[in-house]
N, C-alpha and C. Protein backbone atom coordinates (compact mmCIF):
# COMPACT_ATOMS: atom_id res chain seq x y z
N MET A 1 -12.27 -24.43 50.92
CA MET A 1 -12.96 -24.80 49.80
C MET A 1 -11.49 -25.63 49.15
N ALA A 2 -10.32 -25.01 49.01
CA ALA A 2 -9.12 -25.78 48.65
C ALA A 2 -9.27 -27.00 49.17
N ASP A 3 -9.50 -26.91 50.22
CA ASP A 3 -9.52 -27.99 51.54
C ASP A 3 -10.20 -29.11 50.86
N GLU A 4 -11.37 -28.66 50.47
CA GLU A 4 -12.34 -29.77 50.18
C GLU A 4 -12.13 -30.65 48.56
N LYS A 5 -11.69 -29.61 47.67
CA LYS A 5 -10.75 -30.22 46.82
C LYS A 5 -9.71 -30.83 46.81
N GLU A 6 -8.93 -30.87 47.51
CA GLU A 6 -7.38 -31.71 47.97
C GLU A 6 -8.25 -32.92 48.52
N LEU A 7 -9.24 -32.59 49.28
CA LEU A 7 -10.04 -34.02 49.81
C LEU A 7 -10.42 -34.83 48.94
N LYS A 8 -11.08 -34.23 47.67
CA LYS A 8 -12.01 -35.28 46.93
C LYS A 8 -11.22 -35.90 45.94
N GLU A 9 -9.92 -35.19 45.51
CA GLU A 9 -8.81 -35.82 44.59
C GLU A 9 -8.13 -37.08 45.34
N GLN A 10 -8.04 -36.60 46.79
CA GLN A 10 -6.89 -37.75 47.45
C GLN A 10 -7.89 -39.21 47.62
N THR A 11 -9.34 -38.68 47.92
CA THR A 11 -10.26 -39.63 48.03
C THR A 11 -10.03 -40.77 46.77
N GLN A 12 -10.35 -39.79 45.61
CA GLN A 12 -10.43 -40.52 44.44
C GLN A 12 -9.14 -41.63 44.11
N GLU A 13 -7.96 -40.76 44.40
CA GLU A 13 -7.16 -41.37 44.35
C GLU A 13 -6.46 -43.00 45.52
N ASP A 14 -7.26 -42.69 46.35
CA ASP A 14 -7.03 -43.81 47.36
C ASP A 14 -8.44 -44.98 47.00
N THR A 15 -9.02 -44.65 46.18
CA THR A 15 -9.96 -45.56 45.87
C THR A 15 -9.38 -46.12 44.80
N VAL A 16 -8.78 -45.55 43.84
CA VAL A 16 -8.35 -45.98 42.29
C VAL A 16 -6.92 -47.10 43.08
N ALA A 17 -6.42 -46.53 44.07
CA ALA A 17 -5.05 -47.40 44.21
C ALA A 17 -5.35 -48.39 44.98
N GLN A 18 -6.81 -48.35 45.60
CA GLN A 18 -7.89 -49.82 46.26
C GLN A 18 -7.61 -50.77 45.51
N ASP A 19 -8.32 -50.32 44.27
CA ASP A 19 -9.21 -51.25 43.28
C ASP A 19 -8.09 -51.22 42.08
N PRO A 20 -7.61 -52.55 41.77
CA PRO A 20 -6.85 -52.42 40.68
C PRO A 20 -7.58 -52.90 39.50
N GLU A 21 -8.75 -53.56 39.82
CA GLU A 21 -9.19 -53.77 38.53
C GLU A 21 -10.01 -52.42 37.92
N LYS A 22 -10.34 -51.76 39.12
CA LYS A 22 -10.96 -50.08 38.37
C LYS A 22 -9.76 -49.70 37.22
N GLU A 23 -8.68 -49.49 37.99
CA GLU A 23 -7.44 -48.87 37.37
C GLU A 23 -7.07 -49.57 35.46
N GLN A 24 -7.43 -50.78 35.87
CA GLN A 24 -7.26 -51.35 34.28
C GLN A 24 -8.79 -50.90 33.41
N GLN A 25 -9.86 -51.22 34.09
CA GLN A 25 -10.94 -50.76 33.22
C GLN A 25 -10.91 -49.29 32.64
N GLN A 26 -10.22 -48.38 33.46
CA GLN A 26 -10.25 -46.63 32.93
C GLN A 26 -9.12 -46.81 31.79
N ALA A 27 -7.91 -47.67 32.63
CA ALA A 27 -6.77 -47.91 31.13
C ALA A 27 -7.84 -48.29 29.87
N ASN A 28 -8.20 -49.47 29.89
CA ASN A 28 -8.74 -49.97 28.57
C ASN A 28 -9.89 -49.09 28.14
N LEU A 29 -10.43 -48.00 29.15
CA LEU A 29 -11.38 -46.98 28.18
C LEU A 29 -10.64 -46.12 27.51
N LYS A 30 -9.62 -45.85 28.08
CA LYS A 30 -8.81 -44.67 27.55
C LYS A 30 -7.93 -45.14 26.19
N GLU A 31 -7.39 -46.21 26.44
CA GLU A 31 -7.08 -46.89 25.10
C GLU A 31 -8.32 -47.06 23.53
N THR A 32 -9.34 -47.36 24.44
CA THR A 32 -10.69 -47.31 23.52
C THR A 32 -11.11 -46.12 22.85
N LEU A 33 -10.81 -44.86 23.65
CA LEU A 33 -11.08 -43.77 23.13
C LEU A 33 -10.28 -43.25 22.07
N ARG A 34 -8.87 -43.31 22.41
CA ARG A 34 -7.65 -43.06 21.68
C ARG A 34 -7.41 -43.78 20.46
N LYS A 35 -8.15 -45.12 20.69
CA LYS A 35 -8.68 -45.96 18.84
C LYS A 35 -9.44 -45.67 18.32
N ILE A 36 -10.69 -44.85 19.30
CA ILE A 36 -11.64 -44.52 18.28
C ILE A 36 -11.05 -42.85 17.68
N LYS A 37 -10.45 -42.13 18.49
CA LYS A 37 -10.38 -40.89 18.15
C LYS A 37 -9.42 -40.74 16.98
N GLU A 38 -8.72 -42.23 16.37
CA GLU A 38 -7.45 -42.28 15.53
C GLU A 38 -8.26 -42.85 13.97
N SER A 39 -9.48 -43.70 14.86
CA SER A 39 -10.11 -43.98 13.59
C SER A 39 -11.07 -42.97 12.57
N VAL A 40 -11.56 -42.10 13.45
CA VAL A 40 -12.69 -40.80 13.14
C VAL A 40 -11.70 -39.91 12.46
N ALA A 41 -11.63 -39.79 11.30
CA ALA A 41 -11.09 -38.34 11.07
C ALA A 41 -11.94 -37.31 10.32
N GLU A 42 -11.90 -36.14 9.74
CA GLU A 42 -12.30 -35.27 9.02
C GLU A 42 -12.45 -35.37 7.48
N GLU A 43 -11.41 -36.34 7.03
CA GLU A 43 -11.08 -36.09 5.65
C GLU A 43 -11.59 -37.66 5.53
N ASP A 44 -12.07 -37.79 4.49
CA ASP A 44 -12.24 -39.05 3.87
C ASP A 44 -10.98 -39.91 3.36
N PRO A 45 -11.37 -41.13 3.28
CA PRO A 45 -9.78 -42.03 3.05
C PRO A 45 -9.76 -41.89 1.54
N LYS A 46 -8.61 -42.03 1.01
CA LYS A 46 -7.99 -42.26 -0.63
C LYS A 46 -8.87 -43.08 -1.62
N PRO A 47 -9.60 -42.60 -2.25
CA PRO A 47 -10.17 -43.85 -2.69
C PRO A 47 -9.10 -44.76 -3.44
N SER A 48 -9.73 -46.17 -3.39
CA SER A 48 -8.48 -46.94 -4.51
C SER A 48 -8.44 -46.99 -5.63
N GLN A 49 -7.28 -47.33 -6.31
CA GLN A 49 -6.92 -46.96 -7.39
C GLN A 49 -7.79 -47.79 -8.52
N GLN A 50 -8.23 -49.18 -7.91
CA GLN A 50 -9.22 -49.94 -8.86
C GLN A 50 -10.63 -49.09 -9.14
N LEU A 51 -11.04 -48.99 -9.90
CA LEU A 51 -12.41 -48.71 -10.83
C LEU A 51 -13.38 -50.21 -11.06
N THR A 52 -13.77 -50.06 -9.83
CA THR A 52 -14.92 -51.62 -10.11
C THR A 52 -16.09 -50.86 -10.01
N LEU A 53 -17.08 -51.96 -10.26
CA LEU A 53 -18.68 -51.38 -10.36
C LEU A 53 -19.17 -51.32 -8.71
N ARG A 54 -18.19 -51.80 -7.89
CA ARG A 54 -18.84 -51.59 -6.57
C ARG A 54 -18.65 -50.27 -6.21
N THR A 55 -17.06 -49.92 -6.55
CA THR A 55 -16.96 -48.71 -6.43
C THR A 55 -17.88 -47.64 -6.58
N ILE A 56 -18.06 -47.80 -8.16
CA ILE A 56 -19.35 -46.74 -8.48
C ILE A 56 -20.25 -46.62 -7.96
N LEU A 57 -21.07 -48.25 -7.78
CA LEU A 57 -22.32 -48.35 -6.91
C LEU A 57 -22.78 -47.61 -5.63
N GLY A 58 -21.43 -47.91 -5.06
CA GLY A 58 -21.27 -47.87 -3.83
C GLY A 58 -21.20 -46.26 -3.18
N GLY A 59 -20.81 -45.51 -4.74
CA GLY A 59 -20.81 -43.76 -4.31
C GLY A 59 -19.22 -43.64 -3.74
N ASP A 60 -18.31 -44.37 -4.01
CA ASP A 60 -17.09 -43.94 -3.38
C ASP A 60 -16.23 -42.69 -3.94
N LEU A 61 -16.72 -42.88 -5.44
CA LEU A 61 -16.38 -42.12 -6.34
C LEU A 61 -16.39 -40.40 -6.01
N LEU A 62 -17.25 -40.13 -5.11
CA LEU A 62 -17.75 -38.93 -5.08
C LEU A 62 -17.56 -38.68 -3.54
N THR A 63 -16.01 -38.92 -2.87
CA THR A 63 -15.33 -38.44 -1.99
C THR A 63 -15.25 -36.74 -1.71
N THR A 64 -15.30 -36.19 -0.84
CA THR A 64 -15.23 -34.72 -0.73
C THR A 64 -14.29 -34.06 -1.47
N GLU A 65 -13.21 -34.89 -1.39
CA GLU A 65 -11.63 -34.13 -2.00
C GLU A 65 -12.10 -34.02 -3.59
N MET A 66 -12.78 -35.06 -4.36
CA MET A 66 -13.48 -34.86 -5.62
C MET A 66 -14.06 -33.89 -5.84
N VAL A 67 -15.42 -33.76 -5.11
CA VAL A 67 -15.85 -32.93 -5.33
C VAL A 67 -15.77 -31.61 -5.01
N ARG A 68 -14.94 -31.24 -4.10
CA ARG A 68 -14.70 -29.63 -3.77
C ARG A 68 -13.50 -29.76 -5.11
N SER A 69 -12.76 -30.39 -5.44
CA SER A 69 -11.99 -30.00 -6.85
C SER A 69 -12.69 -29.77 -8.05
N GLN A 70 -13.79 -30.30 -7.98
CA GLN A 70 -14.77 -30.36 -9.16
C GLN A 70 -15.96 -29.41 -8.99
N ILE A 71 -16.01 -28.51 -7.94
CA ILE A 71 -17.52 -27.85 -7.77
C ILE A 71 -17.58 -26.99 -8.94
N TRP A 72 -16.63 -26.27 -9.74
CA TRP A 72 -17.12 -25.10 -10.62
C TRP A 72 -17.42 -26.23 -11.83
N LEU A 73 -17.13 -27.36 -11.94
CA LEU A 73 -17.55 -27.79 -12.78
C LEU A 73 -18.92 -28.50 -12.96
N PHE A 74 -19.44 -28.76 -11.53
CA PHE A 74 -21.07 -29.14 -11.39
C PHE A 74 -22.02 -27.61 -11.37
N VAL A 75 -21.20 -26.54 -10.95
CA VAL A 75 -21.67 -25.06 -11.13
C VAL A 75 -22.17 -24.97 -12.48
N MET A 76 -21.21 -25.12 -13.22
CA MET A 76 -21.38 -25.17 -14.57
C MET A 76 -22.33 -26.12 -15.19
N ILE A 77 -22.17 -27.16 -14.89
CA ILE A 77 -23.53 -28.16 -15.59
C ILE A 77 -24.58 -27.75 -15.16
N VAL A 78 -25.05 -27.40 -14.10
CA VAL A 78 -26.23 -27.21 -13.20
C VAL A 78 -26.57 -26.06 -14.44
N ALA A 79 -26.08 -24.75 -14.11
CA ALA A 79 -26.12 -23.64 -14.96
C ALA A 79 -26.73 -23.93 -16.54
N PHE A 80 -25.89 -25.07 -17.27
CA PHE A 80 -25.92 -25.50 -18.57
C PHE A 80 -27.50 -26.09 -18.38
N CYS A 81 -27.85 -26.63 -17.46
CA CYS A 81 -29.03 -27.82 -17.49
C CYS A 81 -30.13 -26.42 -17.43
N ILE A 82 -30.20 -25.61 -16.60
CA ILE A 82 -30.99 -24.43 -16.10
C ILE A 82 -31.40 -23.97 -17.60
N ALA A 83 -30.39 -23.16 -18.36
CA ALA A 83 -30.49 -22.37 -19.67
C ALA A 83 -30.87 -23.70 -20.25
N TYR A 84 -30.49 -24.89 -20.22
CA TYR A 84 -31.26 -25.46 -21.51
C TYR A 84 -33.09 -25.48 -21.59
N VAL A 85 -33.44 -25.48 -20.09
CA VAL A 85 -34.70 -25.77 -19.79
C VAL A 85 -35.41 -24.66 -20.47
N ALA A 86 -34.95 -23.40 -19.72
CA ALA A 86 -35.52 -22.03 -20.00
C ALA A 86 -35.22 -21.99 -21.50
N PHE A 87 -34.65 -22.15 -22.47
CA PHE A 87 -34.57 -22.12 -23.64
C PHE A 87 -35.52 -22.80 -24.40
N ARG A 88 -35.44 -24.43 -23.85
CA ARG A 88 -36.60 -24.99 -24.69
C ARG A 88 -37.98 -24.32 -24.28
N TYR A 89 -38.08 -24.19 -22.81
CA TYR A 89 -39.45 -23.36 -22.85
C TYR A 89 -39.84 -22.28 -23.59
N GLN A 90 -38.94 -21.23 -23.49
CA GLN A 90 -39.45 -20.27 -24.47
C GLN A 90 -39.17 -20.57 -25.84
N CYS A 91 -38.40 -21.30 -26.44
CA CYS A 91 -38.83 -21.97 -27.94
C CYS A 91 -40.14 -22.82 -27.92
N GLN A 92 -41.09 -23.31 -27.08
CA GLN A 92 -41.73 -23.96 -26.99
C GLN A 92 -43.25 -23.00 -26.87
N GLN A 93 -42.81 -21.52 -26.57
CA GLN A 93 -43.84 -20.85 -26.18
C GLN A 93 -43.86 -20.16 -27.81
N ASP A 94 -42.67 -19.61 -28.09
CA ASP A 94 -42.33 -18.85 -29.37
C ASP A 94 -43.47 -20.20 -30.55
N MET A 95 -43.10 -21.53 -30.56
CA MET A 95 -43.73 -21.96 -31.73
C MET A 95 -45.40 -21.92 -31.32
N LEU A 96 -45.50 -22.14 -29.72
CA LEU A 96 -47.17 -21.63 -30.21
C LEU A 96 -47.89 -20.23 -30.51
N THR A 97 -46.72 -19.58 -30.03
CA THR A 97 -47.09 -18.17 -30.76
C THR A 97 -47.72 -18.43 -32.47
N ILE A 98 -46.40 -19.00 -33.00
CA ILE A 98 -46.26 -18.62 -34.06
C ILE A 98 -47.48 -19.56 -34.82
N ASP A 99 -47.92 -20.52 -34.51
CA ASP A 99 -48.95 -21.82 -34.92
C ASP A 99 -50.23 -20.86 -34.66
N ARG A 100 -50.56 -19.85 -33.62
CA ARG A 100 -51.67 -19.36 -33.19
C ARG A 100 -51.59 -18.34 -34.04
N MET A 101 -50.85 -17.24 -34.71
CA MET A 101 -50.44 -16.36 -35.77
C MET A 101 -50.83 -16.71 -36.84
N GLU A 102 -50.19 -18.26 -37.48
CA GLU A 102 -50.34 -18.77 -38.66
C GLU A 102 -52.17 -19.07 -39.01
N ASN A 103 -52.82 -19.26 -38.02
CA ASN A 103 -54.16 -19.53 -38.04
C ASN A 103 -54.78 -18.50 -37.90
N GLU A 104 -54.35 -17.52 -37.64
CA GLU A 104 -55.14 -16.05 -37.64
C GLU A 104 -54.82 -15.65 -39.08
N LEU A 105 -53.41 -15.74 -39.73
CA LEU A 105 -53.44 -15.55 -40.87
C LEU A 105 -54.25 -16.02 -41.72
N LYS A 106 -54.40 -17.27 -41.56
CA LYS A 106 -55.20 -18.20 -42.76
C LYS A 106 -56.71 -17.75 -42.53
N ASP A 107 -56.84 -17.56 -41.47
CA ASP A 107 -59.00 -16.69 -41.30
C ASP A 107 -58.87 -15.29 -42.03
N ALA A 108 -57.53 -14.96 -41.94
CA ALA A 108 -57.48 -13.35 -42.72
C ALA A 108 -57.74 -13.39 -43.85
N LYS A 109 -57.05 -14.45 -44.82
CA LYS A 109 -56.68 -14.55 -46.03
C LYS A 109 -58.35 -15.51 -46.41
N PHE A 110 -59.14 -16.16 -45.77
CA PHE A 110 -60.09 -16.75 -46.13
C PHE A 110 -61.34 -15.59 -46.18
N LYS A 111 -60.81 -14.49 -45.06
CA LYS A 111 -61.64 -13.57 -44.66
C LYS A 111 -61.82 -12.49 -46.52
N ALA A 112 -60.63 -12.10 -46.30
CA ALA A 112 -60.38 -11.50 -47.67
C ALA A 112 -60.43 -12.31 -49.18
N LEU A 113 -60.88 -13.57 -48.76
CA LEU A 113 -61.13 -14.19 -50.60
C LEU A 113 -62.78 -13.79 -50.66
N SER A 114 -62.86 -14.54 -49.37
CA SER A 114 -64.59 -14.32 -49.61
C SER A 114 -65.15 -12.69 -49.74
N SER A 115 -64.56 -12.20 -49.43
CA SER A 115 -65.08 -10.30 -49.27
C SER A 115 -64.88 -10.06 -50.71
N SER A 116 -63.58 -10.57 -51.74
CA SER A 116 -63.37 -10.04 -52.93
C SER A 116 -63.84 -10.93 -54.04
N SER A 117 -64.44 -12.06 -53.80
CA SER A 117 -64.95 -12.92 -54.07
C SER A 117 -66.72 -11.84 -54.51
N THR A 118 -67.02 -11.78 -53.17
CA THR A 118 -68.56 -10.92 -52.98
C THR A 118 -68.34 -9.73 -54.11
N LEU A 119 -67.47 -9.16 -53.72
CA LEU A 119 -67.48 -8.09 -54.15
C LEU A 119 -67.42 -8.25 -56.10
N THR A 120 -66.80 -9.10 -56.22
CA THR A 120 -66.32 -9.36 -57.56
C THR A 120 -67.90 -9.12 -58.09
N GLU A 121 -68.73 -10.24 -57.42
CA GLU A 121 -69.95 -10.59 -58.12
C GLU A 121 -70.94 -9.23 -58.24
N LYS A 122 -70.85 -8.92 -56.82
CA LYS A 122 -72.10 -7.47 -57.15
C LYS A 122 -71.53 -6.18 -57.95
N CYS A 123 -69.88 -6.56 -58.61
CA CYS A 123 -69.49 -5.45 -59.59
C CYS A 123 -69.73 -5.96 -61.02
N ARG A 124 -70.27 -6.99 -61.18
CA ARG A 124 -70.56 -7.71 -62.42
C ARG A 124 -71.70 -6.70 -62.98
N GLU A 125 -71.09 -6.88 -64.65
CA GLU A 125 -72.05 -5.78 -65.24
C GLU A 125 -73.53 -6.36 -65.65
N SER A 126 -73.81 -7.89 -65.44
CA SER A 126 -75.30 -8.50 -65.34
C SER A 126 -75.71 -8.07 -64.18
N HIS A 127 -74.90 -8.04 -63.10
CA HIS A 127 -75.83 -7.72 -61.68
C HIS A 127 -76.35 -6.24 -61.85
N VAL A 128 -75.53 -5.31 -62.34
CA VAL A 128 -75.31 -3.92 -62.20
C VAL A 128 -76.50 -3.73 -62.96
N LEU A 129 -76.75 -4.37 -63.81
CA LEU A 129 -77.84 -4.13 -64.76
C LEU A 129 -79.11 -4.90 -64.44
N ASP A 130 -78.82 -5.76 -63.91
CA ASP A 130 -80.47 -6.21 -62.77
C ASP A 130 -80.89 -5.21 -61.88
N ILE A 131 -79.83 -4.68 -61.31
CA ILE A 131 -80.65 -4.01 -60.14
C ILE A 131 -80.94 -2.28 -60.66
N LEU A 132 -80.11 -2.24 -61.94
CA LEU A 132 -80.83 -0.63 -62.46
C LEU A 132 -82.16 -1.18 -63.24
N LYS A 133 -82.29 -2.70 -63.28
CA LYS A 133 -83.94 -2.89 -63.71
C LYS A 133 -84.82 -2.86 -62.80
N GLN A 134 -84.51 -3.17 -61.92
CA GLN A 134 -85.31 -3.37 -60.76
C GLN A 134 -85.60 -1.58 -60.03
N ASN A 135 -84.80 -1.22 -60.35
CA ASN A 135 -84.99 0.45 -59.48
C ASN A 135 -86.08 1.31 -60.64
N GLN A 136 -85.59 0.68 -61.80
CA GLN A 136 -86.30 1.88 -62.52
C GLN A 136 -86.55 3.35 -62.62
N ASP A 137 -85.25 3.93 -62.26
CA ASP A 137 -85.44 5.27 -61.84
C ASP A 137 -83.78 5.73 -62.67
N SER A 138 -82.90 4.93 -63.50
CA SER A 138 -82.27 5.05 -64.34
C SER A 138 -82.45 5.40 -65.79
N LEU A 139 -81.65 6.26 -65.97
CA LEU A 139 -81.60 6.45 -67.45
C LEU A 139 -80.55 5.40 -68.30
N LEU A 140 -79.97 4.92 -67.69
CA LEU A 140 -78.65 3.85 -67.95
C LEU A 140 -79.62 2.74 -68.89
N HIS A 141 -78.95 2.22 -70.16
CA HIS A 141 -79.64 1.23 -70.58
C HIS A 141 -77.98 0.49 -70.81
N GLN A 142 -78.47 -1.06 -71.61
CA GLN A 142 -76.98 -1.57 -72.18
C GLN A 142 -77.12 -1.45 -73.79
N ALA A 143 -75.87 -0.64 -74.30
CA ALA A 143 -75.68 -0.56 -75.40
C ALA A 143 -76.27 -1.28 -76.73
N ASP A 144 -76.45 -0.70 -77.27
CA ASP A 144 -77.14 -1.76 -78.77
C ASP A 144 -76.29 -1.71 -79.83
N GLN A 145 -75.11 -0.80 -79.52
CA GLN A 145 -74.36 -0.45 -80.72
C GLN A 145 -73.02 -0.69 -80.32
N PRO A 146 -71.98 -1.56 -81.31
CA PRO A 146 -70.77 -1.60 -80.57
C PRO A 146 -69.84 -0.29 -80.06
N PRO A 147 -68.88 -0.17 -79.49
CA PRO A 147 -68.36 0.83 -79.12
C PRO A 147 -67.69 1.53 -80.20
N TYR A 148 -67.24 2.72 -80.72
CA TYR A 148 -66.23 3.03 -81.58
C TYR A 148 -65.20 2.86 -81.69
N ILE A 149 -64.35 3.02 -82.21
CA ILE A 149 -62.56 2.99 -82.25
C ILE A 149 -62.01 4.05 -82.75
N ILE A 150 -61.86 5.24 -81.98
CA ILE A 150 -61.36 6.66 -82.65
C ILE A 150 -60.06 6.61 -82.57
N ALA A 151 -59.43 6.46 -83.87
CA ALA A 151 -57.58 6.88 -84.04
C ALA A 151 -57.21 8.26 -84.12
N VAL A 152 -56.57 8.22 -83.21
CA VAL A 152 -56.30 9.62 -82.87
C VAL A 152 -54.35 9.84 -83.38
N PRO A 153 -54.19 10.50 -84.65
CA PRO A 153 -52.72 10.25 -84.87
C PRO A 153 -51.90 11.10 -83.98
N GLU A 154 -50.76 10.74 -83.93
CA GLU A 154 -49.62 10.74 -83.32
C GLU A 154 -49.19 11.72 -83.95
N GLU A 155 -48.24 12.90 -83.51
CA GLU A 155 -47.34 14.03 -83.88
C GLU A 155 -46.06 14.05 -83.74
């Protein structure tokens, strides 16, 4: 097996040595790969010091470094937005409940006023006398003489 590996390596070296064009291509390929590796980096390039409309609209402001350094600010803003929406929803629900209860209160007041007026009407002296006359079973009648005022001396 070791002989086979040595034989393959030797044939590759012979073919490379025989063909200087292939050697030049491989060198170009290695150089190109090296340049690509240098140009590609994990880190974002530093933003330029100039703040222009193009950098703002292009999104150059939102670099990884800036986002990482301001992550807690973004989390806080999101939390405040969620709280704002939740409190507004709760406030609207409370306002709907208040409106519904105010309408119920108005209905109750109208019913109480109606019952009170009906009771007042039925308790009037003239109405009570009319009912007694219709039944003709009562000894009650309207007084012909005015009431007497009895003076009680205080001791």
